[in-house]
Amino acid sequence: MAAVGAVSEQVPRARSASAQTGDATDLRLVTEAAYEALAAEYDAPEHSTTRRLERLSNALVRSWLEENYASYDASTNRLRVLEVGCGTGSLTEVMVETIGAISTIVAIDQSAAMIAVAGKRLNAKLGKASELRLLQQSVYSVGKRHGLAMFDLVIGGLVDPFLEPEALRCMVGAMHSGSRLVLTTPHRHWADWERRTRLHVAPTRTSFRLRDGSTVMPLSFTYLEEDLPALLGHAGLALHESRTLSAPAVVEEGGAGLCVPPRVLLIAAAAARAP
């Protein structure tokens, strides 16, 4: 088995002409910088809401993987998996535990700092993992043109910064006709409440307060179930199923009222068939 290793070089990002100018690029750069700054403390207990979302996301993905690949026969071909936006490796760990024995996994993140944390995490907790590579690479630079293509499964946990048509089309470029796409995101019902009542940010942004007192506000696109067919259709995808999982409801400190509990949405899709 190959040891986990992080590749340090950054692969240039592929973007359409329309995304190279204006606010789209600026907001992407803000988001990239935000997660680079977050890396060292992303897994810290003080980011408790993120931890709760992560547990929900991992539980949804674990269940989906166990249901869909429990009987997969890897004697002829191992399952080729691309994880986008792997962050500090929490979902990567789940995948190695559930499908690592039958898979070749490539996990990518645009942040060098996130990849470094993921490498340490996976080496410390898993030792050596079967066919796992970590790469510093953007979701906007996957597909045949960049040598990351023909994956059987493209997967991402809490990848709300990438739930927009261009990023989804890049993911489609890494798939073949029989591939599956599985992504999770905070559910819009919860996210709208959180951003309106707690964070006081725009509907397409979230907010993290860092230990040094500064605040970063990366992009975050969230959806309701009824939004998914149109979102996926713009990228040439068809929705197969969606699932949600919520945390238990809790009362706010001081008895101010009942919080809307964190809720995560899982999206499973495949390439749309021509009519």
C-alpha atoms as a PDB file:
ATOM      1  CA  MET A   1       0.000   0.000   0.000  1.00  0.00           C
ATOM      2  CA  ALA A   2       1.217   3.471  -0.830  1.00  0.00           C
ATOM      3  CA  ALA A   3       1.793   5.971   1.960  1.00  0.00           C
ATOM      4  CA  VAL A   4      -0.258   9.132   1.991  1.00  0.00           C
ATOM      5  CA  GLY A   5       1.661  12.007   0.464  1.00  0.00           C
ATOM      6  CA  ALA A   6       0.879  15.604  -0.409  1.00  0.00           C
ATOM      7  CA  VAL A   7       2.089  16.994  -3.720  1.00  0.00           C
ATOM      8  CA  SER A   8       3.314  20.539  -3.148  1.00  0.00           C
ATOM      9  CA  GLU A   9       3.189  22.024  -6.630  1.00  0.00           C
ATOM     10  CA  GLN A  10       0.091  23.942  -7.648  1.00  0.00           C
ATOM     11  CA  VAL A  11      -1.566  23.069 -10.943  1.00  0.00           C
ATOM     12  CA  PRO A  12      -2.753  26.171 -12.863  1.00  0.00           C
ATOM     13  CA  ARG A  13      -6.483  26.775 -12.704  1.00  0.00           C
ATOM     14  CA  ALA A  14      -8.575  26.524 -15.856  1.00  0.00           C
ATOM     15  CA  ARG A  15     -11.271  29.202 -16.142  1.00  0.00           C
ATOM     16  CA  SER A  16     -13.606  30.336 -18.835  1.00  0.00           C
ATOM     17  CA  ALA A  17     -13.123  33.785 -20.294  1.00  0.00           C
ATOM     18  CA  SER A  18     -16.211  35.064 -18.515  1.00  0.00           C
ATOM     19  CA  ALA A  19     -14.830  33.996 -15.130  1.00  0.00           C
ATOM     20  CA  GLN A  20     -11.495  35.743 -15.614  1.00  0.00           C
ATOM     21  CA  THR A  21     -12.908  39.206 -15.111  1.00  0.00           C
ATOM     22  CA  GLY A  22     -15.181  40.953 -12.683  1.00  0.00           C
ATOM     23  CA  ASP A  23     -16.550  39.882  -9.352  1.00  0.00           C
ATOM     24  CA  ALA A  24     -16.497  36.119 -10.027  1.00  0.00           C
ATOM     25  CA  THR A  25     -12.704  35.954  -9.998  1.00  0.00           C
ATOM     26  CA  ASP A  26     -12.407  38.388  -7.093  1.00  0.00           C
ATOM     27  CA  LEU A  27     -14.772  36.349  -4.922  1.00  0.00           C
ATOM     28  CA  ARG A  28     -13.009  33.114  -5.803  1.00  0.00           C
ATOM     29  CA  LEU A  29      -9.702  34.616  -4.764  1.00  0.00           C
ATOM     30  CA  VAL A  30     -11.277  35.803  -1.495  1.00  0.00           C
ATOM     31  CA  THR A  31     -12.571  32.274  -0.912  1.00  0.00           C
ATOM     32  CA  GLU A  32      -9.199  30.692  -1.678  1.00  0.00           C
ATOM     33  CA  ALA A  33      -7.448  33.065   0.730  1.00  0.00           C
ATOM     34  CA  ALA A  34     -10.078  32.420   3.403  1.00  0.00           C
ATOM     35  CA  TYR A  35      -9.561  28.665   3.429  1.00  0.00           C
ATOM     36  CA  GLU A  36      -5.792  29.047   3.276  1.00  0.00           C
ATOM     37  CA  ALA A  37      -6.017  31.193   6.425  1.00  0.00           C
ATOM     38  CA  LEU A  38      -8.447  28.752   8.055  1.00  0.00           C
ATOM     39  CA  ALA A  39      -6.394  25.613   7.502  1.00  0.00           C
ATOM     40  CA  ALA A  40      -4.366  25.622  10.708  1.00  0.00           C
ATOM     41  CA  GLU A  41      -7.466  25.983  12.911  1.00  0.00           C
ATOM     42  CA  TYR A  42     -10.245  24.553  10.733  1.00  0.00           C
ATOM     43  CA  ASP A  43     -10.536  21.415  12.896  1.00  0.00           C
ATOM     44  CA  ALA A  44     -10.438  23.356  16.178  1.00  0.00           C
ATOM     45  CA  PRO A  45     -13.280  22.886  18.696  1.00  0.00           C
ATOM     46  CA  GLU A  46     -14.183  26.585  18.637  1.00  0.00           C
ATOM     47  CA  HIS A  47     -15.516  26.163  15.097  1.00  0.00           C
ATOM     48  CA  SER A  48     -18.292  24.074  16.617  1.00  0.00           C
ATOM     49  CA  THR A  49     -20.892  24.691  13.903  1.00  0.00           C
ATOM     50  CA  THR A  50     -18.457  23.506  11.251  1.00  0.00           C
ATOM     51  CA  ARG A  51     -17.759  20.372  13.292  1.00  0.00           C
ATOM     52  CA  ARG A  52     -21.500  19.629  13.523  1.00  0.00           C
ATOM     53  CA  LEU A  53     -21.960  20.124   9.784  1.00  0.00           C
ATOM     54  CA  GLU A  54     -18.947  17.930   9.102  1.00  0.00           C
ATOM     55  CA  ARG A  55     -20.328  15.093  11.237  1.00  0.00           C
ATOM     56  CA  LEU A  56     -23.663  15.259   9.409  1.00  0.00           C
ATOM     57  CA  SER A  57     -21.957  15.355   6.012  1.00  0.00           C
ATOM     58  CA  ASN A  58     -19.675  12.432   6.822  1.00  0.00           C
ATOM     59  CA  ALA A  59     -22.597  10.359   8.118  1.00  0.00           C
ATOM     60  CA  LEU A  60     -24.601  10.983   4.934  1.00  0.00           C
ATOM     61  CA  VAL A  61     -21.685  10.092   2.671  1.00  0.00           C
ATOM     62  CA  ARG A  62     -20.702   7.024   4.706  1.00  0.00           C
ATOM     63  CA  SER A  63     -24.246   5.687   4.471  1.00  0.00           C
ATOM     64  CA  TRP A  64     -24.431   6.362   0.722  1.00  0.00           C
ATOM     65  CA  LEU A  65     -21.076   4.666   0.049  1.00  0.00           C
ATOM     66  CA  GLU A  66     -21.991   1.606   2.107  1.00  0.00           C
ATOM     67  CA  GLU A  67     -25.319   1.249   0.292  1.00  0.00           C
ATOM     68  CA  ASN A  68     -23.869   1.659  -3.198  1.00  0.00           C
ATOM     69  CA  TYR A  69     -20.495  -0.105  -3.029  1.00  0.00           C
ATOM     70  CA  ALA A  70     -20.865  -2.869  -0.441  1.00  0.00           C
ATOM     71  CA  SER A  71     -20.850  -5.509  -3.197  1.00  0.00           C
ATOM     72  CA  TYR A  72     -18.451  -3.795  -5.608  1.00  0.00           C
ATOM     73  CA  ASP A  73     -16.065  -6.292  -7.245  1.00  0.00           C
ATOM     74  CA  ALA A  74     -12.599  -4.731  -7.527  1.00  0.00           C
ATOM     75  CA  SER A  75     -10.895  -7.885  -8.816  1.00  0.00           C
ATOM     76  CA  THR A  76     -10.870  -6.512 -12.365  1.00  0.00           C
ATOM     77  CA  ASN A  77     -10.961  -2.733 -11.887  1.00  0.00           C
ATOM     78  CA  ARG A  78     -10.557  -0.685  -8.755  1.00  0.00           C
ATOM     79  CA  LEU A  79     -13.047   2.116  -8.250  1.00  0.00           C
ATOM     80  CA  ARG A  80     -11.457   5.398  -9.392  1.00  0.00           C
ATOM     81  CA  VAL A  81     -12.468   8.195  -7.025  1.00  0.00           C
ATOM     82  CA  LEU A  82     -11.822  11.944  -7.189  1.00  0.00           C
ATOM     83  CA  GLU A  83     -12.526  13.962  -4.054  1.00  0.00           C
ATOM     84  CA  VAL A  84     -12.833  17.697  -4.697  1.00  0.00           C
ATOM     85  CA  GLY A  85     -12.232  20.251  -1.951  1.00  0.00           C
ATOM     86  CA  CYS A  86     -10.853  17.655   0.460  1.00  0.00           C
ATOM     87  CA  GLY A  87      -9.856  20.283   3.042  1.00  0.00           C
ATOM     88  CA  THR A  88      -8.222  18.772   6.112  1.00  0.00           C
ATOM     89  CA  GLY A  89      -9.111  15.209   5.114  1.00  0.00           C
ATOM     90  CA  SER A  90     -12.147  14.413   7.253  1.00  0.00           C
ATOM     91  CA  LEU A  91     -14.199  12.924   4.411  1.00  0.00           C
ATOM     92  CA  THR A  92     -11.065  11.393   2.880  1.00  0.00           C
ATOM     93  CA  GLU A  93     -10.686   9.399   6.071  1.00  0.00           C
ATOM     94  CA  VAL A  94     -14.293   8.191   5.805  1.00  0.00           C
ATOM     95  CA  MET A  95     -13.715   7.087   2.208  1.00  0.00           C
ATOM     96  CA  VAL A  96     -10.571   5.144   3.063  1.00  0.00           C
ATOM     97  CA  GLU A  97     -12.470   3.396   5.867  1.00  0.00           C
ATOM     98  CA  THR A  98     -15.471   2.503   3.701  1.00  0.00           C
ATOM     99  CA  ILE A  99     -14.179   2.010   0.138  1.00  0.00           C
ATOM    100  CA  GLY A 100     -10.388   2.227   0.502  1.00  0.00           C
ATOM    101  CA  ALA A 101      -9.923  -1.500  -0.097  1.00  0.00           C
ATOM    102  CA  ILE A 102     -11.605  -1.302  -3.504  1.00  0.00           C
ATOM    103  CA  SER A 103     -10.576   2.185  -4.616  1.00  0.00           C
ATOM    104  CA  THR A 104      -7.884   4.413  -6.026  1.00  0.00           C
ATOM    105  CA  ILE A 105      -8.547   7.788  -4.419  1.00  0.00           C
ATOM    106  CA  VAL A 106      -7.208  11.167  -5.568  1.00  0.00           C
ATOM    107  CA  ALA A 107      -8.098  13.960  -3.121  1.00  0.00           C
ATOM    108  CA  ILE A 108      -7.556  17.563  -4.221  1.00  0.00           C
ATOM    109  CA  ASP A 109      -7.773  20.980  -2.624  1.00  0.00           C
ATOM    110  CA  GLN A 110      -6.724  24.387  -3.907  1.00  0.00           C
ATOM    111  CA  SER A 111      -5.127  25.268  -0.542  1.00  0.00           C
ATOM    112  CA  ALA A 112      -1.562  24.124   0.093  1.00  0.00           C
ATOM    113  CA  ALA A 113      -2.136  24.617   3.816  1.00  0.00           C
ATOM    114  CA  MET A 114      -5.245  22.407   3.787  1.00  0.00           C
ATOM    115  CA  ILE A 115      -3.392  19.674   1.881  1.00  0.00           C
ATOM    116  CA  ALA A 116      -0.545  19.807   4.430  1.00  0.00           C
ATOM    117  CA  VAL A 117      -2.988  19.394   7.336  1.00  0.00           C
ATOM    118  CA  ALA A 118      -4.775  16.562   5.522  1.00  0.00           C
ATOM    119  CA  GLY A 119      -1.495  14.729   4.952  1.00  0.00           C
ATOM    120  CA  LYS A 120      -0.596  14.905   8.642  1.00  0.00           C
ATOM    121  CA  ARG A 121      -4.084  13.872   9.692  1.00  0.00           C
ATOM    122  CA  LEU A 122      -4.239  10.840   7.427  1.00  0.00           C
ATOM    123  CA  ASN A 123      -0.721   9.644   8.198  1.00  0.00           C
ATOM    124  CA  ALA A 124      -1.365   9.975  11.923  1.00  0.00           C
ATOM    125  CA  LYS A 125      -4.769   8.268  11.964  1.00  0.00           C
ATOM    126  CA  LEU A 126      -4.502   5.775   9.125  1.00  0.00           C
ATOM    127  CA  GLY A 127      -0.805   5.105   8.715  1.00  0.00           C
ATOM    128  CA  LYS A 128      -0.737   3.725   5.193  1.00  0.00           C
ATOM    129  CA  ALA A 129      -3.830   3.907   3.044  1.00  0.00           C
ATOM    130  CA  SER A 130      -4.614   1.947  -0.068  1.00  0.00           C
ATOM    131  CA  GLU A 131      -4.051   3.869  -3.307  1.00  0.00           C
ATOM    132  CA  LEU A 132      -4.487   7.385  -1.913  1.00  0.00           C
ATOM    133  CA  ARG A 133      -2.932  10.565  -3.311  1.00  0.00           C
ATOM    134  CA  LEU A 134      -3.312  14.157  -2.113  1.00  0.00           C
ATOM    135  CA  LEU A 135      -2.843  16.931  -4.659  1.00  0.00           C
ATOM    136  CA  GLN A 136      -2.882  20.706  -4.389  1.00  0.00           C
ATOM    137  CA  GLN A 137      -5.199  21.442  -7.282  1.00  0.00           C
ATOM    138  CA  SER A 138      -8.292  23.511  -7.910  1.00  0.00           C
ATOM    139  CA  VAL A 139     -11.633  22.063  -8.927  1.00  0.00           C
ATOM    140  CA  TYR A 140     -11.446  24.484 -11.857  1.00  0.00           C
ATOM    141  CA  SER A 141      -8.499  22.530 -13.234  1.00  0.00           C
ATOM    142  CA  VAL A 142      -9.837  18.996 -13.392  1.00  0.00           C
ATOM    143  CA  GLY A 143     -10.787  17.104 -16.526  1.00  0.00           C
ATOM    144  CA  LYS A 144      -9.019  15.627 -19.541  1.00  0.00           C
ATOM    145  CA  ARG A 145      -7.079  18.789 -20.281  1.00  0.00           C
ATOM    146  CA  HIS A 146      -5.318  18.549 -16.920  1.00  0.00           C
ATOM    147  CA  GLY A 147      -4.965  14.786 -16.674  1.00  0.00           C
ATOM    148  CA  LEU A 148      -7.652  14.295 -14.027  1.00  0.00           C
ATOM    149  CA  ALA A 149     -10.430  12.513 -15.886  1.00  0.00           C
ATOM    150  CA  MET A 150     -12.365   9.262 -16.267  1.00  0.00           C
ATOM    151  CA  PHE A 151     -13.178   8.828 -12.587  1.00  0.00           C
ATOM    152  CA  ASP A 152     -15.987   6.464 -11.623  1.00  0.00           C
ATOM    153  CA  LEU A 153     -16.977   8.603  -8.658  1.00  0.00           C
ATOM    154  CA  VAL A 154     -16.488  12.334  -8.059  1.00  0.00           C
ATOM    155  CA  ILE A 155     -17.259  13.276  -4.478  1.00  0.00           C
ATOM    156  CA  GLY A 156     -17.044  16.293  -2.203  1.00  0.00           C
ATOM    157  CA  GLY A 157     -18.114  17.061   1.342  1.00  0.00           C
ATOM    158  CA  LEU A 158     -19.426  20.534   2.252  1.00  0.00           C
ATOM    159  CA  VAL A 159     -18.307  21.894  -1.104  1.00  0.00           C
ATOM    160  CA  ASP A 160     -20.764  24.805  -1.099  1.00  0.00           C
ATOM    161  CA  PRO A 161     -18.168  27.216  -2.611  1.00  0.00           C
ATOM    162  CA  PHE A 162     -18.242  25.041  -5.755  1.00  0.00           C
ATOM    163  CA  LEU A 163     -21.973  24.535  -6.174  1.00  0.00           C
ATOM    164  CA  GLU A 164     -22.199  26.768  -9.212  1.00  0.00           C
ATOM    165  CA  PRO A 165     -22.429  25.811 -12.902  1.00  0.00           C
ATOM    166  CA  GLU A 166     -18.818  26.374 -13.953  1.00  0.00           C
ATOM    167  CA  ALA A 167     -17.346  24.300 -11.131  1.00  0.00           C
ATOM    168  CA  LEU A 168     -19.924  21.580 -11.724  1.00  0.00           C
ATOM    169  CA  ARG A 169     -19.052  21.490 -15.432  1.00  0.00           C
ATOM    170  CA  CYS A 170     -15.390  21.028 -14.473  1.00  0.00           C
ATOM    171  CA  MET A 171     -16.391  18.062 -12.305  1.00  0.00           C
ATOM    172  CA  VAL A 172     -18.358  16.626 -15.218  1.00  0.00           C
ATOM    173  CA  GLY A 173     -15.153  16.874 -17.253  1.00  0.00           C
ATOM    174  CA  ALA A 174     -13.550  14.420 -14.827  1.00  0.00           C
ATOM    175  CA  MET A 175     -16.354  11.862 -15.315  1.00  0.00           C
ATOM    176  CA  HIS A 176     -17.269   9.280 -17.949  1.00  0.00           C
ATOM    177  CA  SER A 177     -20.768   8.300 -19.066  1.00  0.00           C
ATOM    178  CA  GLY A 178     -21.282   5.864 -16.192  1.00  0.00           C
ATOM    179  CA  SER A 179     -19.795   7.999 -13.411  1.00  0.00           C
ATOM    180  CA  ARG A 180     -21.564   9.237 -10.311  1.00  0.00           C
ATOM    181  CA  LEU A 181     -21.291  12.609  -8.603  1.00  0.00           C
ATOM    182  CA  VAL A 182     -21.974  12.904  -4.865  1.00  0.00           C
ATOM    183  CA  LEU A 183     -21.731  16.244  -3.067  1.00  0.00           C
ATOM    184  CA  THR A 184     -22.889  17.638   0.254  1.00  0.00           C
ATOM    185  CA  THR A 185     -23.717  21.197   1.230  1.00  0.00           C
ATOM    186  CA  PRO A 186     -25.393  22.995   4.116  1.00  0.00           C
ATOM    187  CA  HIS A 187     -29.145  22.992   3.500  1.00  0.00           C
ATOM    188  CA  ARG A 188     -30.492  26.399   2.485  1.00  0.00           C
ATOM    189  CA  HIS A 189     -33.266  26.307   5.097  1.00  0.00           C
ATOM    190  CA  TRP A 190     -30.658  26.243   7.868  1.00  0.00           C
ATOM    191  CA  ALA A 191     -28.059  28.376   6.066  1.00  0.00           C
ATOM    192  CA  ASP A 192     -30.473  31.249   5.437  1.00  0.00           C
ATOM    193  CA  TRP A 193     -31.420  31.323   9.132  1.00  0.00           C
ATOM    194  CA  GLU A 194     -27.775  31.152  10.234  1.00  0.00           C
ATOM    195  CA  ARG A 195     -26.661  33.965   7.929  1.00  0.00           C
ATOM    196  CA  ARG A 196     -29.614  36.203   8.731  1.00  0.00           C
ATOM    197  CA  THR A 197     -29.680  35.814  12.526  1.00  0.00           C
ATOM    198  CA  ARG A 198     -26.111  34.955  13.525  1.00  0.00           C
ATOM    199  CA  LEU A 199     -23.567  35.856  10.868  1.00  0.00           C
ATOM    200  CA  HIS A 200     -25.267  38.862   9.253  1.00  0.00           C
ATOM    201  CA  VAL A 201     -23.766  38.151   5.854  1.00  0.00           C
ATOM    202  CA  ALA A 202     -25.106  37.889   2.311  1.00  0.00           C
ATOM    203  CA  PRO A 203     -26.979  34.693   1.341  1.00  0.00           C
ATOM    204  CA  THR A 204     -24.033  33.488  -0.787  1.00  0.00           C
ATOM    205  CA  ARG A 205     -21.358  34.028   1.867  1.00  0.00           C
ATOM    206  CA  THR A 206     -20.467  32.439   5.177  1.00  0.00           C
ATOM    207  CA  SER A 207     -18.198  33.716   7.932  1.00  0.00           C
ATOM    208  CA  PHE A 208     -15.422  32.386  10.162  1.00  0.00           C
ATOM    209  CA  ARG A 209     -13.808  34.284  13.021  1.00  0.00           C
ATOM    210  CA  LEU A 210     -10.129  33.388  13.329  1.00  0.00           C
ATOM    211  CA  ARG A 211      -8.082  33.160  16.499  1.00  0.00           C
ATOM    212  CA  ASP A 212      -6.262  36.385  15.652  1.00  0.00           C
ATOM    213  CA  GLY A 213      -9.588  38.236  15.738  1.00  0.00           C
ATOM    214  CA  SER A 214      -9.935  38.647  11.984  1.00  0.00           C
ATOM    215  CA  THR A 215     -12.931  37.424   9.993  1.00  0.00           C
ATOM    216  CA  VAL A 216     -12.984  35.670   6.626  1.00  0.00           C
ATOM    217  CA  MET A 217     -16.091  35.367   4.460  1.00  0.00           C
ATOM    218  CA  PRO A 218     -15.793  32.727   1.703  1.00  0.00           C
ATOM    219  CA  LEU A 219     -18.409  31.994  -0.912  1.00  0.00           C
ATOM    220  CA  SER A 220     -21.127  29.506   0.018  1.00  0.00           C
ATOM    221  CA  PHE A 221     -23.912  28.430  -2.356  1.00  0.00           C
ATOM    222  CA  THR A 222     -26.751  26.522  -0.704  1.00  0.00           C
ATOM    223  CA  TYR A 223     -29.959  25.034  -2.102  1.00  0.00           C
ATOM    224  CA  LEU A 224     -33.332  23.525  -1.384  1.00  0.00           C
ATOM    225  CA  GLU A 225     -34.243  20.160  -2.876  1.00  0.00           C
ATOM    226  CA  GLU A 226     -36.471  21.758  -5.506  1.00  0.00           C
ATOM    227  CA  ASP A 227     -33.520  23.858  -6.770  1.00  0.00           C
ATOM    228  CA  LEU A 228     -31.371  20.864  -7.676  1.00  0.00           C
ATOM    229  CA  PRO A 229     -32.693  19.772 -11.096  1.00  0.00           C
ATOM    230  CA  ALA A 230     -32.104  23.221 -12.602  1.00  0.00           C
ATOM    231  CA  LEU A 231     -28.684  23.637 -10.968  1.00  0.00           C
ATOM    232  CA  LEU A 232     -27.477  20.249 -12.169  1.00  0.00           C
ATOM    233  CA  GLY A 233     -29.119  20.568 -15.573  1.00  0.00           C
ATOM    234  CA  HIS A 234     -27.048  23.664 -16.382  1.00  0.00           C
ATOM    235  CA  ALA A 235     -23.939  21.500 -15.949  1.00  0.00           C
ATOM    236  CA  GLY A 236     -25.230  18.538 -17.978  1.00  0.00           C
ATOM    237  CA  LEU A 237     -26.145  16.462 -14.929  1.00  0.00           C
ATOM    238  CA  ALA A 238     -29.303  14.657 -13.862  1.00  0.00           C
ATOM    239  CA  LEU A 239     -30.354  14.307 -10.224  1.00  0.00           C
ATOM    240  CA  HIS A 240     -30.589  10.707  -9.005  1.00  0.00           C
ATOM    241  CA  GLU A 241     -31.462  11.375  -5.383  1.00  0.00           C
ATOM    242  CA  SER A 242     -31.101  13.800  -2.504  1.00  0.00           C
ATOM    243  CA  ARG A 243     -30.978  13.169   1.224  1.00  0.00           C
ATOM    244  CA  THR A 244     -30.889  15.392   4.285  1.00  0.00           C
ATOM    245  CA  LEU A 245     -29.704  14.950   7.842  1.00  0.00           C
ATOM    246  CA  SER A 246     -30.218  17.370  10.722  1.00  0.00           C
ATOM    247  CA  ALA A 247     -28.544  17.780  14.079  1.00  0.00           C
ATOM    248  CA  PRO A 248     -30.692  17.681  17.228  1.00  0.00           C
ATOM    249  CA  ALA A 249     -32.404  20.970  18.072  1.00  0.00           C
ATOM    250  CA  VAL A 250     -30.892  22.905  20.975  1.00  0.00           C
ATOM    251  CA  VAL A 251     -31.979  25.915  23.001  1.00  0.00           C
ATOM    252  CA  GLU A 252     -29.823  29.003  22.637  1.00  0.00           C
ATOM    253  CA  GLU A 253     -27.634  29.969  25.571  1.00  0.00           C
ATOM    254  CA  GLY A 254     -29.568  32.163  27.972  1.00  0.00           C
ATOM    255  CA  GLY A 255     -32.906  30.722  26.881  1.00  0.00           C
ATOM    256  CA  ALA A 256     -33.262  33.125  23.953  1.00  0.00           C
ATOM    257  CA  GLY A 257     -35.135  30.561  21.921  1.00  0.00           C
ATOM    258  CA  LEU A 258     -34.872  27.417  19.874  1.00  0.00           C
ATOM    259  CA  CYS A 259     -32.025  27.341  17.352  1.00  0.00           C
ATOM    260  CA  VAL A 260     -32.608  26.035  13.857  1.00  0.00           C
ATOM    261  CA  PRO A 261     -30.333  22.957  13.963  1.00  0.00           C
ATOM    262  CA  PRO A 262     -27.620  22.500  11.328  1.00  0.00           C
ATOM    263  CA  ARG A 263     -28.870  20.531   8.347  1.00  0.00           C
ATOM    264  CA  VAL A 264     -26.887  19.022   5.473  1.00  0.00           C
ATOM    265  CA  LEU A 265     -28.087  18.100   1.991  1.00  0.00           C
ATOM    266  CA  LEU A 266     -26.549  15.228  -0.011  1.00  0.00           C
ATOM    267  CA  ILE A 267     -26.837  15.393  -3.803  1.00  0.00           C
ATOM    268  CA  ALA A 268     -26.281  12.305  -5.964  1.00  0.00           C
ATOM    269  CA  ALA A 269     -26.193  12.824  -9.721  1.00  0.00           C
ATOM    270  CA  ALA A 270     -24.916  11.433 -13.016  1.00  0.00           C
ATOM    271  CA  ALA A 271     -24.366  12.711 -16.521  1.00  0.00           C
ATOM    272  CA  ALA A 272     -27.675  13.573 -18.168  1.00  0.00           C
ATOM    273  CA  ARG A 273     -28.651  11.319 -21.070  1.00  0.00           C
ATOM    274  CA  ALA A 274     -29.350  12.897 -24.413  1.00  0.00           C
ATOM    275  CA  PRO A 275     -33.095  13.023 -25.199  1.00  0.00           C
END
